[in-house]
Amino acid sequence: MRIALAAGTTLTRIEGKDVLFSTRTGDSFGLNETAAHMLRLALETGSNEAETKLAGEYNVAEDELRADLNDLIGQLVQLKLAVTSSDQGG
């Protein structure tokens, strides 16, 4: 699965904290250091590759990491801060 920030959403570091900000709604969503790292890697590589890399970095089972990453992505999609698409196709 690929993830992208929704139109008008930025991921910014403000005073040492990672924040998603929607210019469309004015809403912001703070991320802890781990969630921000997970999101950045998923944005860069897609969730499947991110799962593998993060499981190794954090020394946890890939299934456990997948559940955590899917939960984070699900929350961001629900808040309309991110969108997802399949890795397959054009």
N, C-alpha and C. Protein backbone atom coordinates (compact mmCIF):
# COMPACT_ATOMS: atom_id res chain seq x y z
N MET A 1 0.84 -1.17 0.00
CA MET A 1 0.00 0.00 0.00
C MET A 1 0.89 1.24 0.00
N ARG A 2 0.49 2.21 -0.77
CA ARG A 2 1.18 3.50 -0.80
C ARG A 2 0.38 4.48 0.04
N ILE A 3 1.07 5.38 0.69
CA ILE A 3 0.43 6.43 1.47
C ILE A 3 0.98 7.76 1.02
N ALA A 4 0.12 8.76 1.00
CA ALA A 4 0.54 10.12 0.67
C ALA A 4 -0.23 11.06 1.58
N LEU A 5 0.36 12.20 1.82
CA LEU A 5 -0.36 13.22 2.58
C LEU A 5 -1.50 13.75 1.72
N ALA A 6 -2.62 14.03 2.34
CA ALA A 6 -3.76 14.59 1.61
C ALA A 6 -3.39 15.97 1.08
N ALA A 7 -4.08 16.39 0.02
CA ALA A 7 -3.84 17.71 -0.56
C ALA A 7 -3.98 18.77 0.54
N GLY A 8 -3.02 19.67 0.60
CA GLY A 8 -3.06 20.74 1.58
C GLY A 8 -2.55 20.35 2.95
N THR A 9 -1.98 19.15 3.08
CA THR A 9 -1.45 18.69 4.37
C THR A 9 0.07 18.69 4.32
N THR A 10 0.68 19.18 5.38
CA THR A 10 2.13 19.19 5.48
C THR A 10 2.56 18.45 6.74
N LEU A 11 3.74 17.86 6.70
CA LEU A 11 4.37 17.26 7.87
C LEU A 11 5.56 18.14 8.20
N THR A 12 5.50 18.78 9.34
CA THR A 12 6.48 19.79 9.70
C THR A 12 7.00 19.53 11.11
N ARG A 13 8.23 19.90 11.34
CA ARG A 13 8.82 19.82 12.68
C ARG A 13 8.79 21.22 13.27
N ILE A 14 8.05 21.39 14.36
CA ILE A 14 7.89 22.68 15.01
C ILE A 14 8.35 22.56 16.46
N GLU A 15 9.35 23.33 16.82
CA GLU A 15 9.89 23.33 18.19
C GLU A 15 10.16 21.91 18.69
N GLY A 16 10.77 21.11 17.80
CA GLY A 16 11.16 19.76 18.18
C GLY A 16 10.06 18.73 18.13
N LYS A 17 8.87 19.10 17.65
CA LYS A 17 7.75 18.17 17.57
C LYS A 17 7.27 18.06 16.13
N ASP A 18 6.92 16.84 15.73
CA ASP A 18 6.41 16.61 14.38
C ASP A 18 4.90 16.81 14.38
N VAL A 19 4.43 17.61 13.41
CA VAL A 19 3.03 17.98 13.35
C VAL A 19 2.54 17.87 11.91
N LEU A 20 1.38 17.24 11.74
CA LEU A 20 0.68 17.28 10.46
C LEU A 20 -0.28 18.46 10.53
N PHE A 21 -0.28 19.28 9.49
CA PHE A 21 -1.15 20.45 9.48
C PHE A 21 -1.92 20.50 8.17
N SER A 22 -3.23 20.69 8.26
CA SER A 22 -4.08 20.80 7.08
C SER A 22 -4.38 22.27 6.82
N THR A 23 -3.92 22.74 5.67
CA THR A 23 -4.22 24.13 5.31
C THR A 23 -5.68 24.29 4.90
N ARG A 24 -6.33 23.18 4.56
CA ARG A 24 -7.75 23.24 4.18
C ARG A 24 -8.65 23.44 5.39
N THR A 25 -8.35 22.75 6.50
CA THR A 25 -9.23 22.80 7.66
C THR A 25 -8.65 23.59 8.83
N GLY A 26 -7.34 23.79 8.82
CA GLY A 26 -6.69 24.44 9.94
C GLY A 26 -6.39 23.49 11.08
N ASP A 27 -6.73 22.20 10.91
CA ASP A 27 -6.49 21.20 11.95
C ASP A 27 -5.03 20.80 11.97
N SER A 28 -4.55 20.45 13.17
CA SER A 28 -3.20 19.92 13.30
C SER A 28 -3.26 18.64 14.10
N PHE A 29 -2.26 17.79 13.89
CA PHE A 29 -2.21 16.48 14.54
C PHE A 29 -0.76 16.23 14.91
N GLY A 30 -0.48 16.17 16.19
CA GLY A 30 0.88 15.94 16.66
C GLY A 30 1.25 14.47 16.62
N LEU A 31 2.50 14.18 16.28
CA LEU A 31 3.01 12.82 16.22
C LEU A 31 4.17 12.67 17.19
N ASN A 32 4.21 11.54 17.89
CA ASN A 32 5.40 11.30 18.70
C ASN A 32 6.54 10.90 17.77
N GLU A 33 7.73 10.79 18.31
CA GLU A 33 8.92 10.53 17.49
C GLU A 33 8.81 9.23 16.70
N THR A 34 8.28 8.19 17.33
CA THR A 34 8.15 6.89 16.66
C THR A 34 7.14 6.96 15.53
N ALA A 35 5.98 7.55 15.79
CA ALA A 35 4.94 7.67 14.76
C ALA A 35 5.44 8.51 13.59
N ALA A 36 6.14 9.57 13.87
CA ALA A 36 6.67 10.42 12.79
C ALA A 36 7.67 9.65 11.94
N HIS A 37 8.53 8.86 12.57
CA HIS A 37 9.51 8.06 11.83
C HIS A 37 8.79 7.02 10.97
N MET A 38 7.78 6.37 11.54
CA MET A 38 7.01 5.37 10.79
C MET A 38 6.34 6.01 9.58
N LEU A 39 5.72 7.16 9.79
CA LEU A 39 5.02 7.84 8.71
C LEU A 39 5.98 8.28 7.62
N ARG A 40 7.09 8.89 7.99
CA ARG A 40 8.06 9.36 6.99
C ARG A 40 8.56 8.19 6.13
N LEU A 41 8.88 7.08 6.78
CA LEU A 41 9.38 5.93 6.03
C LEU A 41 8.28 5.36 5.12
N ALA A 42 7.05 5.30 5.59
CA ALA A 42 5.95 4.81 4.76
C ALA A 42 5.70 5.75 3.58
N LEU A 43 5.83 7.05 3.80
CA LEU A 43 5.66 8.01 2.71
C LEU A 43 6.74 7.82 1.64
N GLU A 44 7.96 7.53 2.09
CA GLU A 44 9.10 7.40 1.17
C GLU A 44 9.10 6.06 0.43
N THR A 45 8.71 4.97 1.11
CA THR A 45 8.93 3.64 0.54
C THR A 45 7.65 2.83 0.32
N GLY A 46 6.53 3.26 0.86
CA GLY A 46 5.32 2.45 0.86
C GLY A 46 5.26 1.65 2.14
N SER A 47 4.07 1.23 2.51
CA SER A 47 3.92 0.59 3.82
C SER A 47 4.59 -0.78 3.89
N ASN A 48 4.58 -1.55 2.81
CA ASN A 48 5.18 -2.89 2.87
C ASN A 48 6.68 -2.84 3.16
N GLU A 49 7.39 -2.01 2.45
CA GLU A 49 8.83 -1.88 2.69
C GLU A 49 9.10 -1.25 4.05
N ALA A 50 8.28 -0.29 4.43
CA ALA A 50 8.44 0.36 5.74
C ALA A 50 8.27 -0.66 6.86
N GLU A 51 7.28 -1.54 6.74
CA GLU A 51 7.05 -2.57 7.76
C GLU A 51 8.31 -3.40 7.99
N THR A 52 8.92 -3.85 6.92
CA THR A 52 10.11 -4.69 7.02
C THR A 52 11.26 -3.93 7.67
N LYS A 53 11.51 -2.71 7.21
CA LYS A 53 12.61 -1.92 7.77
C LYS A 53 12.37 -1.59 9.24
N LEU A 54 11.15 -1.17 9.56
CA LEU A 54 10.84 -0.77 10.93
C LEU A 54 10.87 -1.95 11.89
N ALA A 55 10.40 -3.12 11.45
CA ALA A 55 10.45 -4.31 12.30
C ALA A 55 11.89 -4.63 12.68
N GLY A 56 12.80 -4.47 11.71
CA GLY A 56 14.21 -4.69 12.00
C GLY A 56 14.78 -3.63 12.93
N GLU A 57 14.44 -2.39 12.69
CA GLU A 57 14.95 -1.29 13.52
C GLU A 57 14.50 -1.41 14.97
N TYR A 58 13.23 -1.78 15.16
CA TYR A 58 12.66 -1.83 16.51
C TYR A 58 12.70 -3.23 17.11
N ASN A 59 13.23 -4.21 16.34
CA ASN A 59 13.36 -5.58 16.80
C ASN A 59 12.03 -6.14 17.31
N VAL A 60 10.99 -5.99 16.47
CA VAL A 60 9.67 -6.54 16.78
C VAL A 60 9.21 -7.38 15.60
N ALA A 61 8.23 -8.23 15.85
CA ALA A 61 7.68 -9.06 14.79
C ALA A 61 7.04 -8.17 13.73
N GLU A 62 7.20 -8.57 12.47
CA GLU A 62 6.66 -7.78 11.38
C GLU A 62 5.13 -7.66 11.47
N ASP A 63 4.45 -8.70 11.94
CA ASP A 63 2.99 -8.65 12.11
C ASP A 63 2.59 -7.58 13.11
N GLU A 64 3.34 -7.48 14.20
CA GLU A 64 3.05 -6.47 15.23
C GLU A 64 3.28 -5.06 14.67
N LEU A 65 4.37 -4.92 13.95
CA LEU A 65 4.68 -3.61 13.36
C LEU A 65 3.64 -3.24 12.32
N ARG A 66 3.21 -4.22 11.51
CA ARG A 66 2.19 -3.98 10.48
C ARG A 66 0.90 -3.46 11.12
N ALA A 67 0.49 -4.07 12.24
CA ALA A 67 -0.73 -3.64 12.93
C ALA A 67 -0.60 -2.20 13.41
N ASP A 68 0.56 -1.86 13.98
CA ASP A 68 0.78 -0.49 14.47
C ASP A 68 0.78 0.52 13.33
N LEU A 69 1.45 0.19 12.23
CA LEU A 69 1.52 1.10 11.09
C LEU A 69 0.14 1.26 10.45
N ASN A 70 -0.59 0.16 10.29
CA ASN A 70 -1.94 0.24 9.73
C ASN A 70 -2.87 1.06 10.61
N ASP A 71 -2.71 0.96 11.92
CA ASP A 71 -3.51 1.76 12.84
C ASP A 71 -3.21 3.25 12.65
N LEU A 72 -1.93 3.59 12.58
CA LEU A 72 -1.53 4.99 12.37
C LEU A 72 -2.07 5.51 11.05
N ILE A 73 -1.88 4.75 9.98
CA ILE A 73 -2.35 5.18 8.67
C ILE A 73 -3.87 5.31 8.67
N GLY A 74 -4.55 4.37 9.30
CA GLY A 74 -6.01 4.42 9.38
C GLY A 74 -6.51 5.68 10.08
N GLN A 75 -5.85 6.05 11.16
CA GLN A 75 -6.22 7.27 11.88
C GLN A 75 -6.03 8.50 11.00
N LEU A 76 -4.91 8.55 10.29
CA LEU A 76 -4.63 9.71 9.44
C LEU A 76 -5.59 9.81 8.27
N VAL A 77 -5.97 8.66 7.70
CA VAL A 77 -6.95 8.66 6.62
C VAL A 77 -8.31 9.12 7.15
N GLN A 78 -8.69 8.62 8.31
CA GLN A 78 -9.97 9.01 8.91
C GLN A 78 -10.03 10.51 9.18
N LEU A 79 -8.90 11.08 9.59
CA LEU A 79 -8.82 12.52 9.86
C LEU A 79 -8.64 13.34 8.58
N LYS A 80 -8.58 12.64 7.43
CA LYS A 80 -8.40 13.27 6.12
C LYS A 80 -7.07 14.01 5.99
N LEU A 81 -6.05 13.47 6.69
CA LEU A 81 -4.71 14.03 6.60
C LEU A 81 -3.83 13.21 5.65
N ALA A 82 -4.30 12.02 5.27
CA ALA A 82 -3.54 11.14 4.38
C ALA A 82 -4.51 10.38 3.49
N VAL A 83 -3.97 9.88 2.39
CA VAL A 83 -4.73 9.04 1.46
C VAL A 83 -3.87 7.82 1.14
N THR A 84 -4.53 6.74 0.79
CA THR A 84 -3.81 5.52 0.44
C THR A 84 -4.21 5.04 -0.94
N SER A 85 -3.34 4.23 -1.52
CA SER A 85 -3.62 3.59 -2.79
C SER A 85 -2.86 2.27 -2.82
N SER A 86 -3.24 1.42 -3.73
CA SER A 86 -2.59 0.12 -3.87
C SER A 86 -1.21 0.31 -4.49
N ASP A 87 -0.28 -0.59 -4.15
CA ASP A 87 1.04 -0.59 -4.79
C ASP A 87 0.95 -1.09 -6.22
N GLN A 88 -0.12 -1.78 -6.55
CA GLN A 88 -0.25 -2.38 -7.87
C GLN A 88 -0.83 -1.40 -8.86
N GLY A 89 -0.58 -1.65 -10.10
CA GLY A 89 -1.12 -0.80 -11.16
C GLY A 89 -0.14 0.28 -11.56
N GLY A 90 -0.43 0.92 -12.71
CA GLY A 90 0.37 1.93 -13.37
C GLY A 90 1.19 2.74 -12.53
